[in-house]
């Protein structure tokens, strides 16, 4: 996979219902690190209410076996960035219906 800064990728995640009908609580986890935040359903691969799916992210940097990506939405912590393994993600199509990288 040709992963480079600026690439849009699908990152596996678990979702639960959010405070609004168009939002989900998303947890992304990789090798001990996790990111939790509220994400617009348009940024999910499958708009499930609860369970596994993937969330769109923009790659910021790439290392040999890992990457750092910016996740959409509002993190419950201070950072919108997530560091994960390259083997756990897939490239997202350049155009995927009306979904965009970020919410809103």
PDB file of N, CA and C in Angstrom:
ATOM      1  N   UNK A   1       0.849  -1.172   0.000  1.00  0.00           N
ATOM      2  CA  UNK A   1       0.000   0.000   0.000  1.00  0.00           C
ATOM      3  C   UNK A   1       0.895   1.236   0.000  1.00  0.00           C
ATOM      4  N   UNK A   2       0.574   2.183  -0.850  1.00  0.00           N
ATOM      5  CA  UNK A   2       1.340   3.424  -0.975  1.00  0.00           C
ATOM      6  C   UNK A   2       0.810   4.459   0.014  1.00  0.00           C
ATOM      7  N   UNK A   3       1.216   4.317   1.254  1.00  0.00           N
ATOM      8  CA  UNK A   3       0.760   5.211   2.315  1.00  0.00           C
ATOM      9  C   UNK A   3       1.714   6.390   2.413  1.00  0.00           C
ATOM     10  N   UNK A   4       1.173   7.604   2.305  1.00  0.00           N
ATOM     11  CA  UNK A   4       2.010   8.801   2.374  1.00  0.00           C
ATOM     12  C   UNK A   4       1.222   9.925   3.040  1.00  0.00           C
ATOM     13  N   UNK A   5       1.910  10.967   3.520  1.00  0.00           N
ATOM     14  CA  UNK A   5       1.194  12.089   4.123  1.00  0.00           C
ATOM     15  C   UNK A   5       0.145  12.646   3.158  1.00  0.00           C
ATOM     16  N   UNK A   6      -1.038  12.892   3.689  1.00  0.00           N
ATOM     17  CA  UNK A   6      -2.151  13.373   2.884  1.00  0.00           C
ATOM     18  C   UNK A   6      -3.102  12.280   2.447  1.00  0.00           C
ATOM     19  N   UNK A   7      -2.668  11.020   2.515  1.00  0.00           N
ATOM     20  CA  UNK A   7      -3.549   9.904   2.152  1.00  0.00           C
ATOM     21  C   UNK A   7      -4.736   9.854   3.098  1.00  0.00           C
ATOM     22  N   UNK A   8      -5.892   9.477   2.566  1.00  0.00           N
ATOM     23  CA  UNK A   8      -7.084   9.252   3.381  1.00  0.00           C
ATOM     24  C   UNK A   8      -7.218   7.746   3.549  1.00  0.00           C
ATOM     25  N   UNK A   9      -7.334   7.307   4.798  1.00  0.00           N
ATOM     26  CA  UNK A   9      -7.350   5.873   5.100  1.00  0.00           C
ATOM     27  C   UNK A   9      -8.565   5.517   5.949  1.00  0.00           C
ATOM     28  N   UNK A  10      -8.870   4.228   5.973  1.00  0.00           N
ATOM     29  CA  UNK A  10      -9.873   3.677   6.886  1.00  0.00           C
ATOM     30  C   UNK A  10      -9.130   3.051   8.050  1.00  0.00           C
ATOM     31  N   UNK A  11      -9.450   3.457   9.262  1.00  0.00           N
ATOM     32  CA  UNK A  11      -8.840   2.910  10.473  1.00  0.00           C
ATOM     33  C   UNK A  11      -9.919   2.124  11.227  1.00  0.00           C
ATOM     34  N   UNK A  12      -9.683   0.856  11.535  1.00  0.00           N
ATOM     35  CA  UNK A  12     -10.678   0.060  12.266  1.00  0.00           C
ATOM     36  C   UNK A  12     -11.016   0.705  13.611  1.00  0.00           C
ATOM     37  N   UNK A  13     -12.290   0.628  13.987  1.00  0.00           N
ATOM     38  CA  UNK A  13     -12.732   1.236  15.240  1.00  0.00           C
ATOM     39  C   UNK A  13     -13.955   0.509  15.780  1.00  0.00           C
ATOM     40  N   UNK A  14     -14.310   0.838  17.002  1.00  0.00           N
ATOM     41  CA  UNK A  14     -15.542   0.390  17.649  1.00  0.00           C
ATOM     42  C   UNK A  14     -16.384   1.631  17.888  1.00  0.00           C
ATOM     43  N   UNK A  15     -17.671   1.547  17.635  1.00  0.00           N
ATOM     44  CA  UNK A  15     -18.545   2.696  17.856  1.00  0.00           C
ATOM     45  C   UNK A  15     -19.679   2.356  18.813  1.00  0.00           C
ATOM     46  N   UNK A  16     -20.136   3.415  19.479  1.00  0.00           N
ATOM     47  CA  UNK A  16     -21.316   3.352  20.344  1.00  0.00           C
ATOM     48  C   UNK A  16     -22.155   4.575  20.016  1.00  0.00           C
ATOM     49  N   UNK A  17     -23.420   4.578  20.392  1.00  0.00           N
ATOM     50  CA  UNK A  17     -24.249   5.747  20.121  1.00  0.00           C
ATOM     51  C   UNK A  17     -23.655   7.002  20.763  1.00  0.00           C
ATOM     52  N   UNK A  18     -23.770   8.116  20.053  1.00  0.00           N
ATOM     53  CA  UNK A  18     -23.304   9.394  20.566  1.00  0.00           C
ATOM     54  C   UNK A  18     -24.472  10.203  21.105  1.00  0.00           C
ATOM     55  N   UNK A  19     -24.207  11.444  21.500  1.00  0.00           N
ATOM     56  CA  UNK A  19     -25.257  12.268  22.071  1.00  0.00           C
ATOM     57  C   UNK A  19     -26.288  12.756  21.050  1.00  0.00           C
ATOM     58  N   UNK A  20     -25.925  12.723  19.766  1.00  0.00           N
ATOM     59  CA  UNK A  20     -26.832  13.157  18.703  1.00  0.00           C
ATOM     60  C   UNK A  20     -26.999  12.021  17.700  1.00  0.00           C
ATOM     61  N   UNK A  21     -28.088  12.032  16.942  1.00  0.00           N
ATOM     62  CA  UNK A  21     -28.376  10.940  16.007  1.00  0.00           C
ATOM     63  C   UNK A  21     -27.348  10.843  14.877  1.00  0.00           C
ATOM     64  N   UNK A  22     -26.666  11.944  14.563  1.00  0.00           N
ATOM     65  CA  UNK A  22     -25.682  11.946  13.474  1.00  0.00           C
ATOM     66  C   UNK A  22     -24.254  11.835  14.000  1.00  0.00           C
ATOM     67  N   UNK A  23     -24.074  11.399  15.242  1.00  0.00           N
ATOM     68  CA  UNK A  23     -22.759  11.332  15.854  1.00  0.00           C
ATOM     69  C   UNK A  23     -22.592  10.008  16.578  1.00  0.00           C
ATOM     70  N   UNK A  24     -21.355   9.472  16.585  1.00  0.00           N
ATOM     71  CA  UNK A  24     -21.063   8.242  17.313  1.00  0.00           C
ATOM     72  C   UNK A  24     -19.845   8.461  18.206  1.00  0.00           C
ATOM     73  N   UNK A  25     -19.827   7.739  19.314  1.00  0.00           N
ATOM     74  CA  UNK A  25     -18.644   7.689  20.155  1.00  0.00           C
ATOM     75  C   UNK A  25     -17.743   6.627  19.552  1.00  0.00           C
ATOM     76  N   UNK A  26     -16.541   7.016  19.153  1.00  0.00           N
ATOM     77  CA  UNK A  26     -15.631   6.131  18.417  1.00  0.00           C
ATOM     78  C   UNK A  26     -14.386   5.849  19.252  1.00  0.00           C
ATOM     79  N   UNK A  27     -13.968   4.580  19.275  1.00  0.00           N
ATOM     80  CA  UNK A  27     -12.710   4.188  19.924  1.00  0.00           C
ATOM     81  C   UNK A  27     -11.825   3.506  18.875  1.00  0.00           C
ATOM     82  N   UNK A  28     -10.625   4.066  18.715  1.00  0.00           N
ATOM     83  CA  UNK A  28      -9.618   3.487  17.827  1.00  0.00           C
ATOM     84  C   UNK A  28      -8.482   3.009  18.716  1.00  0.00           C
ATOM     85  N   UNK A  29      -8.039   1.764  18.513  1.00  0.00           N
ATOM     86  CA  UNK A  29      -6.975   1.236  19.362  1.00  0.00           C
ATOM     87  C   UNK A  29      -5.925   0.539  18.521  1.00  0.00           C
ATOM     88  N   UNK A  30      -4.649   0.734  18.910  1.00  0.00           N
ATOM     89  CA  UNK A  30      -3.543   0.085  18.226  1.00  0.00           C
ATOM     90  C   UNK A  30      -2.357   0.003  19.164  1.00  0.00           C
ATOM     91  N   UNK A  31      -1.838  -1.172  19.338  1.00  0.00           N
ATOM     92  CA  UNK A  31      -0.647  -1.434  20.158  1.00  0.00           C
ATOM     93  C   UNK A  31      -0.576  -0.585  21.433  1.00  0.00           C
ATOM     94  N   UNK A  32      -1.606  -0.696  22.241  1.00  0.00           N
ATOM     95  CA  UNK A  32      -1.593  -0.020  23.532  1.00  0.00           C
ATOM     96  C   UNK A  32      -2.057   1.425  23.522  1.00  0.00           C
ATOM     97  N   UNK A  33      -2.138   2.058  22.376  1.00  0.00           N
ATOM     98  CA  UNK A  33      -2.595   3.446  22.293  1.00  0.00           C
ATOM     99  C   UNK A  33      -4.050   3.461  21.861  1.00  0.00           C
ATOM    100  N   UNK A  34      -4.828   4.373  22.432  1.00  0.00           N
ATOM    101  CA  UNK A  34      -6.208   4.479  21.987  1.00  0.00           C
ATOM    102  C   UNK A  34      -6.599   5.941  21.821  1.00  0.00           C
ATOM    103  N   UNK A  35      -7.575   6.155  20.957  1.00  0.00           N
ATOM    104  CA  UNK A  35      -8.162   7.476  20.706  1.00  0.00           C
ATOM    105  C   UNK A  35      -9.657   7.309  20.864  1.00  0.00           C
ATOM    106  N   UNK A  36     -10.285   8.221  21.592  1.00  0.00           N
ATOM    107  CA  UNK A  36     -11.724   8.189  21.793  1.00  0.00           C
ATOM    108  C   UNK A  36     -12.274   9.576  21.499  1.00  0.00           C
ATOM    109  N   UNK A  37     -13.335   9.618  20.696  1.00  0.00           N
ATOM    110  CA  UNK A  37     -13.932  10.907  20.390  1.00  0.00           C
ATOM    111  C   UNK A  37     -15.300  10.749  19.755  1.00  0.00           C
ATOM    112  N   UNK A  38     -15.958  11.887  19.545  1.00  0.00           N
ATOM    113  CA  UNK A  38     -17.264  11.921  18.903  1.00  0.00           C
ATOM    114  C   UNK A  38     -17.078  12.271  17.432  1.00  0.00           C
ATOM    115  N   UNK A  39     -17.629  11.433  16.550  1.00  0.00           N
ATOM    116  CA  UNK A  39     -17.400  11.549  15.110  1.00  0.00           C
ATOM    117  C   UNK A  39     -18.733  11.561  14.372  1.00  0.00           C
ATOM    118  N   UNK A  40     -18.834  12.418  13.370  1.00  0.00           N
ATOM    119  CA  UNK A  40     -20.007  12.473  12.500  1.00  0.00           C
ATOM    120  C   UNK A  40     -20.124  11.144  11.750  1.00  0.00           C
ATOM    121  N   UNK A  41     -21.335  10.622  11.609  1.00  0.00           N
ATOM    122  CA  UNK A  41     -21.539   9.328  10.952  1.00  0.00           C
ATOM    123  C   UNK A  41     -21.054   9.326   9.505  1.00  0.00           C
ATOM    124  N   UNK A  42     -20.971  10.491   8.858  1.00  0.00           N
ATOM    125  CA  UNK A  42     -20.478  10.559   7.473  1.00  0.00           C
ATOM    126  C   UNK A  42     -19.017  10.162   7.367  1.00  0.00           C
ATOM    127  N   UNK A  43     -18.302  10.134   8.482  1.00  0.00           N
ATOM    128  CA  UNK A  43     -16.882   9.770   8.484  1.00  0.00           C
ATOM    129  C   UNK A  43     -16.662   8.295   8.787  1.00  0.00           C
ATOM    130  N   UNK A  44     -17.741   7.533   8.939  1.00  0.00           N
ATOM    131  CA  UNK A  44     -17.642   6.104   9.201  1.00  0.00           C
ATOM    132  C   UNK A  44     -17.858   5.324   7.912  1.00  0.00           C
ATOM    133  N   UNK A  45     -17.155   4.215   7.782  1.00  0.00           N
ATOM    134  CA  UNK A  45     -17.314   3.368   6.601  1.00  0.00           C
ATOM    135  C   UNK A  45     -18.727   2.797   6.543  1.00  0.00           C
ATOM    136  N   UNK A  46     -19.219   2.352   7.691  1.00  0.00           N
ATOM    137  CA  UNK A  46     -20.584   1.839   7.812  1.00  0.00           C
ATOM    138  C   UNK A  46     -21.257   2.625   8.930  1.00  0.00           C
ATOM    139  N   UNK A  47     -22.447   3.123   8.692  1.00  0.00           N
ATOM    140  CA  UNK A  47     -23.108   3.959   9.690  1.00  0.00           C
ATOM    141  C   UNK A  47     -23.890   3.117  10.699  1.00  0.00           C
ATOM    142  N   UNK A  48     -23.174   2.253  11.400  1.00  0.00           N
ATOM    143  CA  UNK A  48     -23.785   1.403  12.412  1.00  0.00           C
ATOM    144  C   UNK A  48     -24.041   2.199  13.688  1.00  0.00           C
ATOM    145  N   UNK A  49     -25.020   1.793  14.458  1.00  0.00           N
ATOM    146  CA  UNK A  49     -25.287   2.417  15.757  1.00  0.00           C
ATOM    147  C   UNK A  49     -24.233   2.009  16.772  1.00  0.00           C
ATOM    148  N   UNK A  50     -23.849   0.724  16.699  1.00  0.00           N
ATOM    149  CA  UNK A  50     -22.911   0.186  17.675  1.00  0.00           C
ATOM    150  C   UNK A  50     -22.200  -1.007  17.065  1.00  0.00           C
ATOM    151  N   UNK A  51     -20.900  -1.142  17.366  1.00  0.00           N
ATOM    152  CA  UNK A  51     -20.137  -2.283  16.887  1.00  0.00           C
ATOM    153  C   UNK A  51     -18.930  -1.877  16.072  1.00  0.00           C
ATOM    154  N   UNK A  52     -18.308  -2.844  15.398  1.00  0.00           N
ATOM    155  CA  UNK A  52     -17.090  -2.562  14.639  1.00  0.00           C
ATOM    156  C   UNK A  52     -17.375  -1.934  13.274  1.00  0.00           C
ATOM    157  N   UNK A  53     -16.515  -1.021  12.864  1.00  0.00           N
ATOM    158  CA  UNK A  53     -16.511  -0.422  11.537  1.00  0.00           C
ATOM    159  C   UNK A  53     -15.148   0.221  11.358  1.00  0.00           C
ATOM    160  N   UNK A  54     -15.042   1.197  10.476  1.00  0.00           N
ATOM    161  CA  UNK A  54     -13.798   1.949  10.283  1.00  0.00           C
ATOM    162  C   UNK A  54     -14.133   3.426  10.183  1.00  0.00           C
ATOM    163  N   UNK A  55     -13.169   4.253  10.565  1.00  0.00           N
ATOM    164  CA  UNK A  55     -13.328   5.701  10.509  1.00  0.00           C
ATOM    165  C   UNK A  55     -12.272   6.265   9.557  1.00  0.00           C
ATOM    166  N   UNK A  56     -12.675   7.294   8.798  1.00  0.00           N
ATOM    167  CA  UNK A  56     -11.742   7.940   7.877  1.00  0.00           C
ATOM    168  C   UNK A  56     -10.741   8.765   8.663  1.00  0.00           C
ATOM    169  N   UNK A  57      -9.500   8.793   8.189  1.00  0.00           N
ATOM    170  CA  UNK A  57      -8.452   9.591   8.822  1.00  0.00           C
ATOM    171  C   UNK A  57      -7.506  10.090   7.741  1.00  0.00           C
ATOM    172  N   UNK A  58      -6.846  11.208   8.022  1.00  0.00           N
ATOM    173  CA  UNK A  58      -5.863  11.775   7.092  1.00  0.00           C
ATOM    174  C   UNK A  58      -4.469  11.524   7.651  1.00  0.00           C
ATOM    175  N   UNK A  59      -3.620  10.870   6.858  1.00  0.00           N
ATOM    176  CA  UNK A  59      -2.257  10.556   7.272  1.00  0.00           C
ATOM    177  C   UNK A  59      -1.441  11.846   7.359  1.00  0.00           C
ATOM    178  N   UNK A  60      -0.756  12.005   8.475  1.00  0.00           N
ATOM    179  CA  UNK A  60       0.087  13.176   8.708  1.00  0.00           C
ATOM    180  C   UNK A  60       1.555  12.819   8.490  1.00  0.00           C
ATOM    181  N   UNK A  61       1.967  11.637   8.968  1.00  0.00           N
ATOM    182  CA  UNK A  61       3.346  11.192   8.767  1.00  0.00           C
ATOM    183  C   UNK A  61       3.378   9.676   8.679  1.00  0.00           C
ATOM    184  N   UNK A  62       4.432   9.170   8.028  1.00  0.00           N
ATOM    185  CA  UNK A  62       4.583   7.730   7.833  1.00  0.00           C
ATOM    186  C   UNK A  62       5.994   7.328   8.236  1.00  0.00           C
ATOM    187  N   UNK A  63       6.070   6.259   9.008  1.00  0.00           N
ATOM    188  CA  UNK A  63       7.345   5.663   9.365  1.00  0.00           C
ATOM    189  C   UNK A  63       7.380   4.271   8.750  1.00  0.00           C
ATOM    190  N   UNK A  64       8.449   3.531   8.982  1.00  0.00           N
ATOM    191  CA  UNK A  64       8.614   2.231   8.342  1.00  0.00           C
ATOM    192  C   UNK A  64       7.407   1.310   8.528  1.00  0.00           C
ATOM    193  N   UNK A  65       6.978   1.112   9.758  1.00  0.00           N
ATOM    194  CA  UNK A  65       5.871   0.191  10.052  1.00  0.00           C
ATOM    195  C   UNK A  65       4.649   0.884  10.657  1.00  0.00           C
ATOM    196  N   UNK A  66       4.696   2.207  10.797  1.00  0.00           N
ATOM    197  CA  UNK A  66       3.599   2.896  11.473  1.00  0.00           C
ATOM    198  C   UNK A  66       3.267   4.222  10.786  1.00  0.00           C
ATOM    199  N   UNK A  67       2.232   4.859  11.284  1.00  0.00           N
ATOM    200  CA  UNK A  67       1.786   6.135  10.732  1.00  0.00           C
ATOM    201  C   UNK A  67       1.201   6.975  11.859  1.00  0.00           C
ATOM    202  N   UNK A  68       1.083   8.258  11.614  1.00  0.00           N
ATOM    203  CA  UNK A  68       0.335   9.158  12.479  1.00  0.00           C
ATOM    204  C   UNK A  68      -0.742   9.769  11.607  1.00  0.00           C
ATOM    205  N   UNK A  69      -1.968   9.783  12.113  1.00  0.00           N
ATOM    206  CA  UNK A  69      -3.092  10.309  11.333  1.00  0.00           C
ATOM    207  C   UNK A  69      -3.931  11.238  12.186  1.00  0.00           C
ATOM    208  N   UNK A  70      -4.588  12.170  11.497  1.00  0.00           N
ATOM    209  CA  UNK A  70      -5.544  13.061  12.141  1.00  0.00           C
ATOM    210  C   UNK A  70      -6.925  12.447  11.981  1.00  0.00           C
ATOM    211  N   UNK A  71      -7.615  12.283  13.091  1.00  0.00           N
ATOM    212  CA  UNK A  71      -8.959  11.722  13.068  1.00  0.00           C
ATOM    213  C   UNK A  71      -9.981  12.851  13.107  1.00  0.00           C
ATOM    214  N   UNK A  72     -11.126  12.664  12.453  1.00  0.00           N
ATOM    215  CA  UNK A  72     -12.159  13.698  12.449  1.00  0.00           C
ATOM    216  C   UNK A  72     -12.906  13.728  13.778  1.00  0.00           C
ATOM    217  N   UNK A  73     -13.662  14.751  13.990  1.00  0.00           N
ATOM    218  CA  UNK A  73     -14.502  14.808  15.170  1.00  0.00           C
ATOM    219  C   UNK A  73     -13.841  15.505  16.330  1.00  0.00           C
ATOM    220  N   UNK A  74     -14.359  15.215  17.507  1.00  0.00           N
ATOM    221  CA  UNK A  74     -13.918  15.877  18.732  1.00  0.00           C
ATOM    222  C   UNK A  74     -13.426  14.832  19.723  1.00  0.00           C
ATOM    223  N   UNK A  75     -12.121  14.839  19.972  1.00  0.00           N
ATOM    224  CA  UNK A  75     -11.521  13.899  20.900  1.00  0.00           C
ATOM    225  C   UNK A  75     -11.908  14.248  22.331  1.00  0.00           C
ATOM    226  N   UNK A  76     -12.080  13.221  23.174  1.00  0.00           N
ATOM    227  CA  UNK A  76     -12.336  13.477  24.576  1.00  0.00           C
ATOM    228  C   UNK A  76     -11.043  13.858  25.291  1.00  0.00           C
ATOM    229  N   UNK A  77      -9.903  13.587  24.659  1.00  0.00           N
ATOM    230  CA  UNK A  77      -8.602  14.041  25.154  1.00  0.00           C
ATOM    231  C   UNK A  77      -8.220  15.281  24.336  1.00  0.00           C
ATOM    232  N   UNK A  78      -7.025  15.734  24.486  1.00  0.00           N
ATOM    233  CA  UNK A  78      -6.601  16.970  23.819  1.00  0.00           C
ATOM    234  C   UNK A  78      -6.226  16.774  22.351  1.00  0.00           C
ATOM    235  N   UNK A  79      -5.834  15.592  21.934  1.00  0.00           N
ATOM    236  CA  UNK A  79      -5.258  15.404  20.604  1.00  0.00           C
ATOM    237  C   UNK A  79      -6.225  14.797  19.594  1.00  0.00           C
ATOM    238  N   UNK A  80      -6.131  15.272  18.356  1.00  0.00           N
ATOM    239  CA  UNK A  80      -6.889  14.690  17.246  1.00  0.00           C
ATOM    240  C   UNK A  80      -6.042  13.673  16.498  1.00  0.00           C
ATOM    241  N   UNK A  81      -4.820  13.408  16.981  1.00  0.00           N
ATOM    242  CA  UNK A  81      -3.882  12.551  16.267  1.00  0.00           C
ATOM    243  C   UNK A  81      -3.798  11.168  16.892  1.00  0.00           C
ATOM    244  N   UNK A  82      -3.562  10.178  16.030  1.00  0.00           N
ATOM    245  CA  UNK A  82      -3.488   8.785  16.433  1.00  0.00           C
ATOM    246  C   UNK A  82      -2.287   8.149  15.760  1.00  0.00           C
ATOM    247  N   UNK A  83      -1.525   7.370  16.512  1.00  0.00           N
ATOM    248  CA  UNK A  83      -0.352   6.673  15.979  1.00  0.00           C
ATOM    249  C   UNK A  83      -0.680   5.186  15.935  1.00  0.00           C
ATOM    250  N   UNK A  84      -0.577   4.579  14.748  1.00  0.00           N
ATOM    251  CA  UNK A  84      -0.956   3.184  14.616  1.00  0.00           C
ATOM    252  C   UNK A  84      -0.077   2.412  13.661  1.00  0.00           C
ATOM    253  N   UNK A  85      -0.354   1.135  13.519  1.00  0.00           N
ATOM    254  CA  UNK A  85       0.389   0.233  12.643  1.00  0.00           C
ATOM    255  C   UNK A  85      -0.149   0.295  11.222  1.00  0.00           C
ATOM    256  N   UNK A  86       0.746   0.340  10.254  1.00  0.00           N
ATOM    257  CA  UNK A  86       0.346   0.390   8.844  1.00  0.00           C
ATOM    258  C   UNK A  86      -0.448  -0.845   8.433  1.00  0.00           C
ATOM    259  N   UNK A  87      -0.214  -1.966   9.084  1.00  0.00           N
ATOM    260  CA  UNK A  87      -0.871  -3.220   8.687  1.00  0.00           C
ATOM    261  C   UNK A  87      -2.360  -3.239   9.026  1.00  0.00           C
ATOM    262  N   UNK A  88      -2.831  -2.293   9.845  1.00  0.00           N
ATOM    263  CA  UNK A  88      -4.235  -2.316  10.274  1.00  0.00           C
ATOM    264  C   UNK A  88      -5.148  -1.405   9.479  1.00  0.00           C
ATOM    265  N   UNK A  89      -4.647  -0.727   8.457  1.00  0.00           N
ATOM    266  CA  UNK A  89      -5.469   0.254   7.751  1.00  0.00           C
ATOM    267  C   UNK A  89      -5.550  -0.058   6.261  1.00  0.00           C
ATOM    268  N   UNK A  90      -6.554   0.522   5.601  1.00  0.00           N
ATOM    269  CA  UNK A  90      -6.693   0.432   4.155  1.00  0.00           C
ATOM    270  C   UNK A  90      -6.890   1.836   3.607  1.00  0.00           C
ATOM    271  N   UNK A  91      -6.448   2.051   2.370  1.00  0.00           N
ATOM    272  CA  UNK A  91      -6.667   3.341   1.727  1.00  0.00           C
ATOM    273  C   UNK A  91      -8.146   3.513   1.433  1.00  0.00           C
ATOM    274  N   UNK A  92      -8.641   4.718   1.640  1.00  0.00           N
ATOM    275  CA  UNK A  92     -10.029   5.034   1.324  1.00  0.00           C
ATOM    276  C   UNK A  92     -10.095   5.507  -0.120  1.00  0.00           C
ATOM    277  N   UNK A  93     -11.207   5.294  -0.804  1.00  0.00           N
ATOM    278  CA  UNK A  93     -11.344   5.788  -2.170  1.00  0.00           C
ATOM    279  C   UNK A  93     -11.231   7.312  -2.186  1.00  0.00           C
ATOM    280  N   UNK A  94     -10.746   7.854  -3.302  1.00  0.00           N
ATOM    281  CA  UNK A  94     -10.627   9.305  -3.410  1.00  0.00           C
ATOM    282  C   UNK A  94     -11.977   9.976  -3.322  1.00  0.00           C
ATOM    283  N   UNK A  95     -13.013   9.318  -3.847  1.00  0.00           N
ATOM    284  CA  UNK A  95     -14.355   9.881  -3.788  1.00  0.00           C
ATOM    285  C   UNK A  95     -15.269   8.808  -3.263  1.00  0.00           C
ATOM    286  N   UNK A  96     -15.915   9.053  -2.150  1.00  0.00           N
ATOM    287  CA  UNK A  96     -16.778   8.043  -1.532  1.00  0.00           C
ATOM    288  C   UNK A  96     -18.123   8.685  -1.236  1.00  0.00           C
ATOM    289  N   UNK A  97     -19.032   8.628  -2.152  1.00  0.00           N
ATOM    290  CA  UNK A  97     -20.360   9.250  -2.090  1.00  0.00           C
ATOM    291  C   UNK A  97     -20.230  10.689  -1.613  1.00  0.00           C
ATOM    292  N   UNK A  98     -21.026  11.099  -0.631  1.00  0.00           N
ATOM    293  CA  UNK A  98     -20.984  12.481  -0.177  1.00  0.00           C
ATOM    294  C   UNK A  98     -20.131  12.634   1.077  1.00  0.00           C
ATOM    295  N   UNK A  99     -19.450  11.570   1.504  1.00  0.00           N
ATOM    296  CA  UNK A  99     -18.649  11.641   2.725  1.00  0.00           C
ATOM    297  C   UNK A  99     -17.358  12.422   2.475  1.00  0.00           C
ATOM    298  N   UNK A 100     -17.014  13.220   3.450  1.00  0.00           N
ATOM    299  CA  UNK A 100     -15.768  13.974   3.397  1.00  0.00           C
ATOM    300  C   UNK A 100     -14.898  13.526   4.540  1.00  0.00           C
ATOM    301  N   UNK A 101     -13.652  14.018   4.577  1.00  0.00           N
ATOM    302  CA  UNK A 101     -12.759  13.640   5.671  1.00  0.00           C
ATOM    303  C   UNK A 101     -13.340  14.040   7.013  1.00  0.00           C
ATOM    304  N   UNK A 102     -13.655  15.304   7.174  1.00  0.00           N
ATOM    305  CA  UNK A 102     -14.114  15.807   8.461  1.00  0.00           C
ATOM    306  C   UNK A 102     -15.611  15.984   8.502  1.00  0.00           C
ATOM    307  N   UNK A 103     -16.094  16.214   9.681  1.00  0.00           N
ATOM    308  CA  UNK A 103     -17.533  16.464   9.848  1.00  0.00           C
ATOM    309  C   UNK A 103     -17.840  17.918   9.549  1.00  0.00           C
ATOM    310  N   UNK A 104     -19.043  18.133   9.079  1.00  0.00           N
ATOM    311  CA  UNK A 104     -19.521  19.495   8.902  1.00  0.00           C
ATOM    312  C   UNK A 104     -19.266  20.126   7.636  1.00  0.00           C
TER     313      UNK A 104
END
